[in-house]
């Protein structure tokens, strides 16, 4: 039977929703041992966003067998929930990745945002920072919003403060992601599903009220899933996460994934400078002089301490 081309729209662990070139969906699976690339050790062989070749198993039941995966332009990973030493590929072939964060209800740490941005830098994905629920901000929170905006824009990132309840704010997001395949990522409870619902009218994703007793969101998405935007482009919705761990990032390369540090590190006295206690470090000098955001540097040092040394 002839092979057909398709793209993976949803993963449920062992079955995948694959859309063919005519727009028909197939319930596909992988049979036997299946590895895309020997250099990629991941807990899932197929990811949302993958372009695949498949063979129809049953026309009547709309089932198919995935036979191969095209080379990925990029992919977004996290630590596998089953094995902390293994990657889990959340999605692939992404034009942009959005982290949705909140300053209050619940509070997102800049450490979480920075781990997201490190991953997008490492895997060559343009990143966007969105701070949701600005309508809930008091004066002290507004000051934090301004500070975060300064930090991330100076680092070279797109930054938007918005309310999912404001139609003009949603329109700005819609214009930015039109025609793109965009991944949405964030803690549970930050309003990610609410924003996506506004961008996909008539396609209501599950939303739940923030858990009052813990201040943490309830998980509403179990698996990543891709949706077509009404105009052009696609959104990849991902499971809300409590923590986000880095994987396959080494200590000596970490600073490269902070763009504002990357611009300075070639001026350091030592080639292997980790920007901690070394003399002649231009990165530390920039922090002391107020040219590099102290909060980003503190997050860098904190993350560096969590990475196991290779020597």
Protein backbone atom coordinates (compact mmCIF):
# COMPACT_ATOMS: atom_id res chain seq x y z
CA UNK A 1 0.00 0.00 0.00
CA UNK A 2 1.29 3.46 -0.92
CA UNK A 3 2.66 5.69 1.81
CA UNK A 4 1.01 9.03 2.53
CA UNK A 5 2.37 12.26 4.01
CA UNK A 6 0.90 13.75 7.16
CA UNK A 7 1.58 15.84 10.24
CA UNK A 8 1.10 14.82 13.86
CA UNK A 9 -1.53 16.96 15.59
CA UNK A 10 -1.93 15.09 18.86
CA UNK A 11 -0.08 12.56 20.97
CA UNK A 12 -1.74 10.41 23.62
CA UNK A 13 1.31 8.35 24.45
CA UNK A 14 0.87 5.38 22.13
CA UNK A 15 -1.58 6.76 19.52
CA UNK A 16 -1.19 9.84 17.35
CA UNK A 17 -3.70 11.97 15.45
CA UNK A 18 -2.16 12.46 12.01
CA UNK A 19 -3.64 14.88 9.45
CA UNK A 20 -2.99 13.95 5.82
CA UNK A 21 -2.54 16.37 2.90
CA UNK A 22 -6.29 16.36 2.22
CA UNK A 23 -7.11 17.37 5.80
CA UNK A 24 -8.34 13.94 6.89
CA UNK A 25 -7.33 12.70 10.33
CA UNK A 26 -6.02 9.20 11.03
CA UNK A 27 -5.55 7.42 14.33
CA UNK A 28 -1.96 6.27 13.90
CA UNK A 29 0.48 4.20 15.90
CA UNK A 30 4.02 2.93 15.75
CA UNK A 31 4.64 -0.81 15.56
CA UNK A 32 7.87 -2.35 16.83
CA UNK A 33 11.08 -0.54 17.63
CA UNK A 34 11.11 2.90 16.12
CA UNK A 35 13.89 5.46 16.45
CA UNK A 36 14.01 8.66 14.44
CA UNK A 37 17.60 9.57 15.01
CA UNK A 38 20.25 7.63 16.90
CA UNK A 39 21.59 10.91 18.24
CA UNK A 40 18.27 11.79 19.91
CA UNK A 41 17.47 9.81 23.03
CA UNK A 42 13.89 10.69 23.90
CA UNK A 43 11.11 8.99 25.81
CA UNK A 44 8.71 9.53 22.90
CA UNK A 45 9.63 8.50 19.34
CA UNK A 46 6.95 10.70 17.73
CA UNK A 47 6.03 14.26 18.71
CA UNK A 48 3.31 16.77 17.87
CA UNK A 49 4.45 18.79 14.86
CA UNK A 50 6.36 15.92 13.26
CA UNK A 51 5.96 15.40 9.52
CA UNK A 52 5.51 11.68 8.92
CA UNK A 53 5.00 9.06 6.24
CA UNK A 54 2.25 6.60 7.10
CA UNK A 55 0.44 3.59 5.72
CA UNK A 56 -3.33 3.19 6.04
CA UNK A 57 -4.17 0.18 8.16
CA UNK A 58 -7.98 0.37 7.98
CA UNK A 59 -9.84 2.85 5.77
CA UNK A 60 -13.10 2.11 7.59
CA UNK A 61 -11.71 2.58 11.09
CA UNK A 62 -9.34 5.37 9.95
CA UNK A 63 -6.28 3.74 11.51
CA UNK A 64 -2.74 3.95 10.19
CA UNK A 65 0.85 2.92 10.86
CA UNK A 66 3.60 5.56 11.02
CA UNK A 67 6.56 4.34 8.99
CA UNK A 68 9.03 7.24 9.12
CA UNK A 69 9.56 10.79 10.34
CA UNK A 70 11.05 13.65 8.33
CA UNK A 71 14.08 15.45 9.74
CA UNK A 72 13.03 18.03 12.33
CA UNK A 73 13.89 21.70 11.86
CA UNK A 74 13.89 22.07 15.65
CA UNK A 75 12.11 20.74 18.71
CA UNK A 76 11.24 21.76 22.25
CA UNK A 77 12.13 19.42 25.11
CA UNK A 78 11.77 18.96 28.82
CA UNK A 79 12.98 16.31 31.24
CA UNK A 80 11.00 13.12 30.79
CA UNK A 81 8.42 12.66 33.59
CA UNK A 82 9.41 8.97 33.68
CA UNK A 83 13.20 9.36 33.58
CA UNK A 84 15.10 12.46 34.70
CA UNK A 85 18.05 11.46 32.50
CA UNK A 86 15.99 11.30 29.32
CA UNK A 87 14.47 13.93 27.05
CA UNK A 88 10.78 14.21 26.34
CA UNK A 89 10.12 16.01 23.05
CA UNK A 90 7.06 18.17 23.56
CA UNK A 91 6.74 19.40 19.98
CA UNK A 92 8.75 19.87 16.79
CA UNK A 93 9.03 22.11 13.72
CA UNK A 94 8.08 25.26 15.62
CA UNK A 95 8.23 28.84 14.28
CA UNK A 96 7.88 30.46 17.72
CA UNK A 97 7.50 29.44 21.36
CA UNK A 98 5.48 31.48 23.85
CA UNK A 99 5.87 31.28 27.60
CA UNK A 100 2.78 32.57 29.40
CA UNK A 101 3.54 33.78 32.91
CA UNK A 102 1.76 35.72 35.64
CA UNK A 103 3.03 38.06 38.34
CA UNK A 104 0.16 37.14 40.63
CA UNK A 105 -2.55 34.45 40.75
CA UNK A 106 -0.29 32.41 40.55
CA UNK A 107 3.21 33.89 40.72
CA UNK A 108 5.65 32.75 38.03
CA UNK A 109 9.33 32.99 38.91
CA UNK A 110 11.81 34.53 36.50
CA UNK A 111 13.81 31.34 37.05
CA UNK A 112 11.03 29.38 35.34
CA UNK A 113 10.91 31.90 32.48
CA UNK A 114 14.68 31.75 32.09
CA UNK A 115 14.77 27.94 31.95
CA UNK A 116 12.17 28.14 29.17
CA UNK A 117 14.27 30.73 27.31
CA UNK A 118 17.46 28.67 27.73
CA UNK A 119 15.68 25.75 26.06
CA UNK A 120 14.44 27.87 23.15
CA UNK A 121 17.96 29.25 22.66
CA UNK A 122 19.50 25.76 22.79
CA UNK A 123 17.07 24.41 20.20
CA UNK A 124 16.95 27.49 17.94
CA UNK A 125 13.34 28.52 18.49
CA UNK A 126 12.34 32.23 18.52
CA UNK A 127 10.82 32.98 21.93
CA UNK A 128 8.11 35.35 23.15
CA UNK A 129 7.36 36.25 26.77
CA UNK A 130 3.71 36.99 27.62
CA UNK A 131 2.64 38.18 31.05
CA UNK A 132 -1.08 37.49 31.48
CA UNK A 133 -3.63 38.83 33.99
CA UNK A 134 -2.34 42.42 33.92
CA UNK A 135 -5.89 43.48 34.82
CA UNK A 136 -5.29 42.02 38.32
CA UNK A 137 -2.09 43.94 39.02
CA UNK A 138 -1.80 46.34 41.93
CA UNK A 139 0.77 49.14 41.91
CA UNK A 140 3.52 46.97 43.43
CA UNK A 141 2.86 44.32 40.77
CA UNK A 142 2.88 46.93 37.97
CA UNK A 143 6.39 47.92 39.08
CA UNK A 144 7.45 44.27 38.74
CA UNK A 145 5.89 44.12 35.26
CA UNK A 146 7.90 47.18 34.17
CA UNK A 147 11.07 45.65 35.59
CA UNK A 148 10.51 42.33 33.81
CA UNK A 149 9.74 44.13 30.56
CA UNK A 150 13.02 46.03 30.81
CA UNK A 151 14.99 42.87 31.65
CA UNK A 152 13.67 40.74 28.80
CA UNK A 153 13.53 43.40 26.12
CA UNK A 154 17.14 44.36 26.87
CA UNK A 155 18.03 40.67 26.52
CA UNK A 156 16.45 40.78 23.05
CA UNK A 157 13.11 39.05 23.62
CA UNK A 158 9.64 40.06 22.53
CA UNK A 159 7.60 40.89 25.60
CA UNK A 160 3.86 41.48 25.98
CA UNK A 161 1.85 42.34 29.06
CA UNK A 162 -1.82 41.59 28.50
CA UNK A 163 -5.16 40.45 29.81
CA UNK A 164 -6.83 37.44 28.21
CA UNK A 165 -10.12 39.28 28.79
CA UNK A 166 -9.08 42.21 26.59
CA UNK A 167 -10.01 41.74 22.93
CA UNK A 168 -7.37 44.22 21.70
CA UNK A 169 -4.65 42.35 23.58
CA UNK A 170 -5.73 39.03 22.07
CA UNK A 171 -5.78 40.63 18.61
CA UNK A 172 -2.12 41.67 19.03
CA UNK A 173 -1.19 38.07 19.85
CA UNK A 174 -3.25 36.82 16.91
CA UNK A 175 -1.43 39.16 14.52
CA UNK A 176 1.96 38.09 15.87
CA UNK A 177 1.38 34.34 15.43
CA UNK A 178 -0.65 34.42 12.20
CA UNK A 179 0.81 32.04 9.65
CA UNK A 180 3.18 30.51 12.22
CA UNK A 181 3.29 27.24 14.14
CA UNK A 182 3.47 28.52 17.71
CA UNK A 183 3.96 26.54 20.90
CA UNK A 184 2.27 27.82 24.09
CA UNK A 185 3.84 26.88 27.42
CA UNK A 186 3.40 27.81 31.08
CA UNK A 187 2.48 26.87 34.61
CA UNK A 188 -1.01 25.55 35.28
CA UNK A 189 -3.36 28.40 36.16
CA UNK A 190 -1.68 31.23 34.20
CA UNK A 191 -4.55 31.44 31.71
CA UNK A 192 -2.91 29.65 28.78
CA UNK A 193 -6.07 27.76 27.82
CA UNK A 194 -8.14 30.94 28.17
CA UNK A 195 -5.86 32.78 25.72
CA UNK A 196 -5.93 29.86 23.29
CA UNK A 197 -9.74 29.71 23.51
CA UNK A 198 -9.87 33.38 22.49
CA UNK A 199 -7.59 32.67 19.53
CA UNK A 200 -9.65 29.61 18.52
CA UNK A 201 -13.28 30.75 18.67
CA UNK A 202 -15.71 27.86 18.87
CA UNK A 203 -13.03 25.42 19.93
CA UNK A 204 -13.24 25.59 23.71
CA UNK A 205 -10.37 23.94 25.54
CA UNK A 206 -10.94 22.73 29.06
CA UNK A 207 -10.39 25.42 31.67
CA UNK A 208 -10.60 25.13 35.42
CA UNK A 209 -10.70 27.63 38.20
CA UNK A 210 -7.44 28.22 40.03
CA UNK A 211 -7.24 26.02 43.10
CA UNK A 212 -7.92 28.40 45.99
CA UNK A 213 -6.34 26.30 48.70
CA UNK A 214 -2.93 26.00 47.08
CA UNK A 215 -2.63 28.98 44.77
CA UNK A 216 -1.53 26.53 42.10
CA UNK A 217 -3.41 25.73 38.92
CA UNK A 218 -5.10 22.44 38.24
CA UNK A 219 -3.75 20.50 35.26
CA UNK A 220 -6.14 20.85 32.32
CA UNK A 221 -4.05 19.50 29.42
CA UNK A 222 -2.61 16.00 29.59
CA UNK A 223 -0.94 15.76 26.16
CA UNK A 224 0.32 18.29 23.63
CA UNK A 225 -2.11 19.04 20.81
CA UNK A 226 -1.99 21.21 17.70
CA UNK A 227 -4.90 23.31 16.42
CA UNK A 228 -5.36 25.20 13.15
CA UNK A 229 -5.93 28.93 13.55
CA UNK A 230 -9.00 30.37 11.76
CA UNK A 231 -6.79 32.33 9.34
CA UNK A 232 -3.41 30.73 8.81
CA UNK A 233 -1.05 29.05 11.20
CA UNK A 234 -1.27 26.65 14.11
CA UNK A 235 -1.15 26.66 17.89
CA UNK A 236 0.44 23.87 19.90
CA UNK A 237 -1.12 23.64 23.36
CA UNK A 238 1.04 21.91 25.96
CA UNK A 239 0.35 20.47 29.41
CA UNK A 240 0.53 22.96 32.26
CA UNK A 241 3.64 22.27 34.32
CA UNK A 242 4.65 22.86 37.94
CA UNK A 243 8.38 22.60 37.30
CA UNK A 244 10.51 22.71 34.19
CA UNK A 245 13.87 20.97 34.25
CA UNK A 246 16.68 21.43 31.75
CA UNK A 247 18.35 18.46 30.12
CA UNK A 248 21.52 18.03 28.03
CA UNK A 249 22.81 21.50 28.95
CA UNK A 250 26.40 21.56 30.20
CA UNK A 251 27.88 24.09 32.63
CA UNK A 252 30.40 25.53 30.18
CA UNK A 253 27.73 26.22 27.54
CA UNK A 254 24.99 27.65 29.77
CA UNK A 255 26.04 31.31 29.39
CA UNK A 256 25.72 30.98 25.60
CA UNK A 257 21.96 30.65 26.07
CA UNK A 258 21.70 34.06 27.75
CA UNK A 259 21.95 36.42 24.73
CA UNK A 260 23.10 39.41 26.77
CA UNK A 261 25.85 37.29 28.37
CA UNK A 262 26.79 35.72 25.05
CA UNK A 263 27.52 39.20 23.70
CA UNK A 264 30.10 39.80 26.46
CA UNK A 265 31.74 36.45 27.15
CA UNK A 266 34.30 36.63 24.34
CA UNK A 267 35.84 39.58 26.20
CA UNK A 268 36.42 37.53 29.35
CA UNK A 269 40.07 36.93 30.26
CA UNK A 270 39.67 33.14 30.23
CA UNK A 271 38.04 31.10 27.46
CA UNK A 272 36.52 28.66 29.96
CA UNK A 273 35.14 31.41 32.22
CA UNK A 274 31.98 30.37 34.09
CA UNK A 275 31.40 33.99 35.20
CA UNK A 276 31.47 33.20 38.91
CA UNK A 277 34.81 34.03 40.59
CA UNK A 278 37.20 34.25 37.66
CA UNK A 279 39.33 37.40 37.31
CA UNK A 280 38.80 39.56 34.23
CA UNK A 281 35.19 38.43 33.75
CA UNK A 282 33.28 40.91 31.60
CA UNK A 283 29.93 39.37 32.50
CA UNK A 284 30.38 39.99 36.24
CA UNK A 285 31.72 43.45 35.47
CA UNK A 286 28.55 44.22 33.52
CA UNK A 287 26.39 43.05 36.44
CA UNK A 288 28.33 45.24 38.89
CA UNK A 289 28.00 48.24 36.56
CA UNK A 290 24.26 47.70 36.14
CA UNK A 291 24.58 46.94 32.43
CA UNK A 292 23.35 43.36 32.83
CA UNK A 293 20.23 42.55 34.88
CA UNK A 294 21.15 41.21 38.30
CA UNK A 295 18.07 38.97 38.39
CA UNK A 296 19.07 37.23 35.16
CA UNK A 297 22.60 36.74 36.49
CA UNK A 298 21.31 35.31 39.79
CA UNK A 299 19.12 32.88 37.83
CA UNK A 300 22.15 31.92 35.74
CA UNK A 301 24.19 31.10 38.86
CA UNK A 302 21.28 29.19 40.42
CA UNK A 303 20.75 27.12 37.28
CA UNK A 304 24.50 26.55 36.90
CA UNK A 305 24.54 24.99 40.38
CA UNK A 306 21.87 22.47 39.35
CA UNK A 307 23.89 21.20 36.39
CA UNK A 308 26.16 18.25 37.08
CA UNK A 309 29.82 18.81 36.25
CA UNK A 310 31.22 16.71 33.41
CA UNK A 311 34.73 16.65 34.81
